[in-house]
Every structure is written in C-alpha cells, then in structure tokens.
C-alpha cells in the first residue's frame, strides 16, 4: 500500500464550513477510483487544505495525480499541491471494533 499526502494553501479567509462544502461536492469524483482505498480530507488551522490517500500501489497513485489534476487544484484553491508518497508496509485499522 502507498500513502500519499497532498497539501495546498487555501485562499485567505477560507473557513471550516467553506472547505467542508467544497470537499463534500468533490466526493463523487473520488468514489470508485481504481486503486484508491481511502481518502481523508484535511483542513489545517494554518489555512492548509489537502488529503491523505491510501492507494493499492504507487504507479496508480502517480497516474491519478496528473498534470490536469494538479492544475485543477491550483485553479480551485489558488496554489499548486505538494504531494509526498510513503510506502505503508503495515496498517492498523480499528474501525471494525
């Protein structure tokens, strides 16, 4: 498994409610994406937005983060995303308890 952490600076003054509405609107674009296991949307106190993605493999993740996708993020939020990849050799999932 591969974890990708995507971060981008949000426009000044973006509130939690503002970004939640934007994120909720984008959910259908991520549902059913081949190789995407899970996505967590992020909103930081420092006006940083982004997501934590769990992928089946790195090649699939890299294909997803195409130039078109990066440009969409830049157009939508005013800043290009920073993407970091991590191998996730072990995962603990307590959600079934």
C-alpha atoms as a PDB file:
ATOM      1  CA  UNK A   1       0.000   0.000   0.000  1.00  0.00           C
ATOM      2  CA  UNK A   2       1.024   3.578  -0.656  1.00  0.00           C
ATOM      3  CA  UNK A   3       0.009   6.633   1.329  1.00  0.00           C
ATOM      4  CA  UNK A   4       0.022   9.978  -0.455  1.00  0.00           C
ATOM      5  CA  UNK A   5      -0.206  13.202   1.496  1.00  0.00           C
ATOM      6  CA  UNK A   6      -1.416  16.117  -0.586  1.00  0.00           C
ATOM      7  CA  UNK A   7      -1.235  19.650   0.813  1.00  0.00           C
ATOM      8  CA  UNK A   8      -2.029  23.069  -0.604  1.00  0.00           C
ATOM      9  CA  UNK A   9      -2.515  26.537   0.820  1.00  0.00           C
ATOM     10  CA  UNK A  10      -6.145  27.624   0.908  1.00  0.00           C
ATOM     11  CA  UNK A  11      -7.306  31.108  -0.082  1.00  0.00           C
ATOM     12  CA  UNK A  12      -7.116  33.568   2.808  1.00  0.00           C
ATOM     13  CA  UNK A  13     -10.247  33.521   4.936  1.00  0.00           C
ATOM     14  CA  UNK A  14     -11.421  30.036   3.948  1.00  0.00           C
ATOM     15  CA  UNK A  15     -13.485  28.766   6.848  1.00  0.00           C
ATOM     16  CA  UNK A  16     -14.073  25.207   8.001  1.00  0.00           C
ATOM     17  CA  UNK A  17     -17.641  25.398   6.673  1.00  0.00           C
ATOM     18  CA  UNK A  18     -16.438  26.792   3.329  1.00  0.00           C
ATOM     19  CA  UNK A  19     -13.956  23.991   2.739  1.00  0.00           C
ATOM     20  CA  UNK A  20     -16.298  21.303   4.034  1.00  0.00           C
ATOM     21  CA  UNK A  21     -18.843  22.291   1.365  1.00  0.00           C
ATOM     22  CA  UNK A  22     -16.155  22.217  -1.353  1.00  0.00           C
ATOM     23  CA  UNK A  23     -14.897  18.840  -0.167  1.00  0.00           C
ATOM     24  CA  UNK A  24     -18.398  17.353   0.038  1.00  0.00           C
ATOM     25  CA  UNK A  25     -19.017  18.476  -3.544  1.00  0.00           C
ATOM     26  CA  UNK A  26     -15.862  16.658  -4.697  1.00  0.00           C
ATOM     27  CA  UNK A  27     -16.669  13.297  -3.074  1.00  0.00           C
ATOM     28  CA  UNK A  28     -18.270  11.756  -6.202  1.00  0.00           C
ATOM     29  CA  UNK A  29     -15.044  12.350  -8.166  1.00  0.00           C
ATOM     30  CA  UNK A  30     -13.177  10.041  -5.803  1.00  0.00           C
ATOM     31  CA  UNK A  31     -15.754   7.313  -5.332  1.00  0.00           C
ATOM     32  CA  UNK A  32     -14.907   4.227  -7.336  1.00  0.00           C
ATOM     33  CA  UNK A  33     -11.472   5.446  -8.455  1.00  0.00           C
ATOM     34  CA  UNK A  34      -9.490   2.287  -9.294  1.00  0.00           C
ATOM     35  CA  UNK A  35      -6.728   1.689  -6.772  1.00  0.00           C
ATOM     36  CA  UNK A  36      -7.930   4.290  -4.263  1.00  0.00           C
ATOM     37  CA  UNK A  37      -8.675   2.513  -0.997  1.00  0.00           C
ATOM     38  CA  UNK A  38      -9.494   5.524   1.186  1.00  0.00           C
ATOM     39  CA  UNK A  39      -9.270   9.306   1.257  1.00  0.00           C
ATOM     40  CA  UNK A  40      -9.276  11.684   4.232  1.00  0.00           C
ATOM     41  CA  UNK A  41      -9.856  15.374   3.546  1.00  0.00           C
ATOM     42  CA  UNK A  42      -7.713  17.817   5.524  1.00  0.00           C
ATOM     43  CA  UNK A  43      -8.202  21.326   6.865  1.00  0.00           C
ATOM     44  CA  UNK A  44      -5.460  22.855   8.993  1.00  0.00           C
ATOM     45  CA  UNK A  45      -5.559  25.804  11.356  1.00  0.00           C
ATOM     46  CA  UNK A  46      -2.832  27.358   9.195  1.00  0.00           C
ATOM     47  CA  UNK A  47      -5.208  27.542   6.188  1.00  0.00           C
ATOM     48  CA  UNK A  48      -3.758  24.396   4.625  1.00  0.00           C
ATOM     49  CA  UNK A  49      -6.055  22.002   2.827  1.00  0.00           C
ATOM     50  CA  UNK A  50      -5.404  18.629   1.325  1.00  0.00           C
ATOM     51  CA  UNK A  51      -5.941  14.939   1.671  1.00  0.00           C
ATOM     52  CA  UNK A  52      -4.421  11.707   2.855  1.00  0.00           C
ATOM     53  CA  UNK A  53      -4.926   8.954   0.296  1.00  0.00           C
ATOM     54  CA  UNK A  54      -4.352   5.235   0.672  1.00  0.00           C
ATOM     55  CA  UNK A  55      -3.574   3.576  -2.680  1.00  0.00           C
ATOM     56  CA  UNK A  56      -3.009  -0.020  -3.708  1.00  0.00           C
ATOM     57  CA  UNK A  57       0.239   0.936  -5.477  1.00  0.00           C
ATOM     58  CA  UNK A  58       2.377   3.942  -6.341  1.00  0.00           C
ATOM     59  CA  UNK A  59       2.031   3.729 -10.129  1.00  0.00           C
ATOM     60  CA  UNK A  60      -1.748   4.061  -9.840  1.00  0.00           C
ATOM     61  CA  UNK A  61      -1.395   6.999  -7.462  1.00  0.00           C
ATOM     62  CA  UNK A  62       1.084   8.785  -9.715  1.00  0.00           C
ATOM     63  CA  UNK A  63      -1.208   8.352 -12.730  1.00  0.00           C
ATOM     64  CA  UNK A  64      -4.072   9.863 -10.772  1.00  0.00           C
ATOM     65  CA  UNK A  65      -2.093  12.978  -9.833  1.00  0.00           C
ATOM     66  CA  UNK A  66      -1.791  14.027 -13.467  1.00  0.00           C
ATOM     67  CA  UNK A  67      -0.902  17.483 -14.685  1.00  0.00           C
ATOM     68  CA  UNK A  68      -4.613  18.092 -15.325  1.00  0.00           C
ATOM     69  CA  UNK A  69      -5.472  17.123 -11.727  1.00  0.00           C
ATOM     70  CA  UNK A  70      -2.698  19.351 -10.352  1.00  0.00           C
ATOM     71  CA  UNK A  71      -3.943  22.249 -12.491  1.00  0.00           C
ATOM     72  CA  UNK A  72      -7.494  21.698 -11.242  1.00  0.00           C
ATOM     73  CA  UNK A  73      -6.295  22.001  -7.646  1.00  0.00           C
ATOM     74  CA  UNK A  74      -4.318  25.135  -8.496  1.00  0.00           C
ATOM     75  CA  UNK A  75      -7.318  26.717 -10.237  1.00  0.00           C
ATOM     76  CA  UNK A  76      -9.722  25.783  -7.454  1.00  0.00           C
ATOM     77  CA  UNK A  77      -7.562  26.839  -4.498  1.00  0.00           C
ATOM     78  CA  UNK A  78      -5.039  29.272  -5.984  1.00  0.00           C
ATOM     79  CA  UNK A  79      -1.983  27.169  -5.167  1.00  0.00           C
ATOM     80  CA  UNK A  80      -0.359  24.068  -6.606  1.00  0.00           C
ATOM     81  CA  UNK A  81      -0.450  20.944  -4.445  1.00  0.00           C
ATOM     82  CA  UNK A  82       2.571  19.405  -2.774  1.00  0.00           C
ATOM     83  CA  UNK A  83       2.426  15.600  -2.937  1.00  0.00           C
ATOM     84  CA  UNK A  84       4.524  13.210  -0.849  1.00  0.00           C
ATOM     85  CA  UNK A  85       4.450   9.435  -1.184  1.00  0.00           C
ATOM     86  CA  UNK A  86       5.125   6.905   1.556  1.00  0.00           C
ATOM     87  CA  UNK A  87       5.253   3.133   1.490  1.00  0.00           C
ATOM     88  CA  UNK A  88       2.772   1.794   4.055  1.00  0.00           C
ATOM     89  CA  UNK A  89       4.010  -1.702   4.868  1.00  0.00           C
ATOM     90  CA  UNK A  90       1.784  -2.102   7.946  1.00  0.00           C
ATOM     91  CA  UNK A  91      -1.660  -0.653   8.595  1.00  0.00           C
ATOM     92  CA  UNK A  92      -3.686  -0.818  11.810  1.00  0.00           C
ATOM     93  CA  UNK A  93      -7.437  -0.486  11.290  1.00  0.00           C
ATOM     94  CA  UNK A  94      -9.550  -0.292  14.435  1.00  0.00           C
ATOM     95  CA  UNK A  95     -12.730   0.747  12.618  1.00  0.00           C
ATOM     96  CA  UNK A  96     -14.259  -2.732  12.822  1.00  0.00           C
ATOM     97  CA  UNK A  97     -14.331  -2.752  16.611  1.00  0.00           C
END
